[in-house]
Protein backbone atom coordinates (compact mmCIF):
# COMPACT_ATOMS: atom_id res chain seq x y z
CA MET A 1 105.87 134.42 45.48
CA ALA A 2 103.93 135.80 48.41
CA SER A 3 102.64 139.27 48.61
CA GLY A 4 104.60 141.38 50.98
CA ASN A 5 107.71 139.39 50.88
CA ARG A 6 110.86 141.39 50.01
CA PRO A 7 112.02 140.80 46.44
CA HIS A 8 115.11 138.90 45.83
CA PHE A 9 116.01 141.01 42.87
CA GLY A 10 114.98 144.40 41.03
CA VAL A 11 114.13 144.25 37.43
CA PHE A 12 115.86 147.02 35.35
CA VAL A 13 115.88 147.85 31.83
CA SER A 14 119.34 148.69 30.54
CA ARG A 15 120.29 151.33 27.86
CA LYS A 16 123.55 152.82 26.67
CA GLY A 17 124.20 156.59 27.22
CA ALA A 18 126.87 158.76 26.41
CA ASP A 19 130.44 157.23 26.21
CA ASP A 20 128.80 153.88 26.25
CA LYS A 21 127.91 154.03 29.87
CA ASN A 22 124.95 151.87 31.00
CA PHE A 23 121.88 153.58 32.58
CA TYR A 24 119.19 151.40 34.31
CA THR A 25 115.51 152.05 34.97
CA ARG A 26 113.74 149.98 37.41
CA VAL A 27 110.77 148.26 35.90
CA GLY A 28 109.70 145.72 38.52
CA SER A 29 110.86 143.19 41.08
CA ALA A 30 111.66 139.46 41.00
CA TRP A 31 111.55 136.47 43.56
CA GLU A 32 113.12 133.03 43.47
CA VAL A 33 110.50 130.23 43.47
CA SER A 34 110.63 126.81 44.91
CA ASN A 35 111.31 124.92 41.69
CA GLY A 36 114.64 126.84 40.92
CA GLY A 37 112.71 129.54 38.64
CA ILE A 38 112.28 133.33 39.02
CA SER A 39 109.01 134.93 39.18
CA ILE A 40 108.94 138.56 37.74
CA LYS A 41 106.32 141.18 38.25
CA LEU A 42 106.46 144.35 36.16
CA GLU A 43 105.12 147.74 36.96
CA PRO A 44 101.80 148.18 35.03
CA ASN A 45 101.49 150.37 31.89
CA ILE A 46 105.21 150.41 30.81
CA ALA A 47 106.82 149.58 27.43
CA ILE A 48 109.88 147.44 27.65
CA SER A 49 112.34 146.98 24.92
CA GLY A 50 116.01 145.84 24.97
CA GLU A 51 117.77 144.03 27.79
CA CYS A 52 116.40 143.39 31.26
CA VAL A 53 118.94 142.91 33.99
CA LEU A 54 118.28 141.52 37.57
CA PHE A 55 120.17 143.09 40.48
CA PRO A 56 119.83 142.07 44.33
CA PRO A 57 118.31 144.87 46.33
CA LYS A 58 120.44 147.42 48.11
CA ASP A 59 120.48 147.43 51.80
CA ASP A 60 118.28 150.56 52.02
CA GLU A 61 115.52 149.13 49.55
């Protein structure tokens, strides 16, 4: 992961809201790495619990 490269994915924490609807809070970014893995960089000073989900960036991100 080189600094300044556009992330391949956004990292989000998923939680259930009313009517079992999923809500997502962005907590970081992720990049595919050369060995087939994924490198994840999380925002500092946040607490994460539950399920993390990776989504590709939207065109305007």
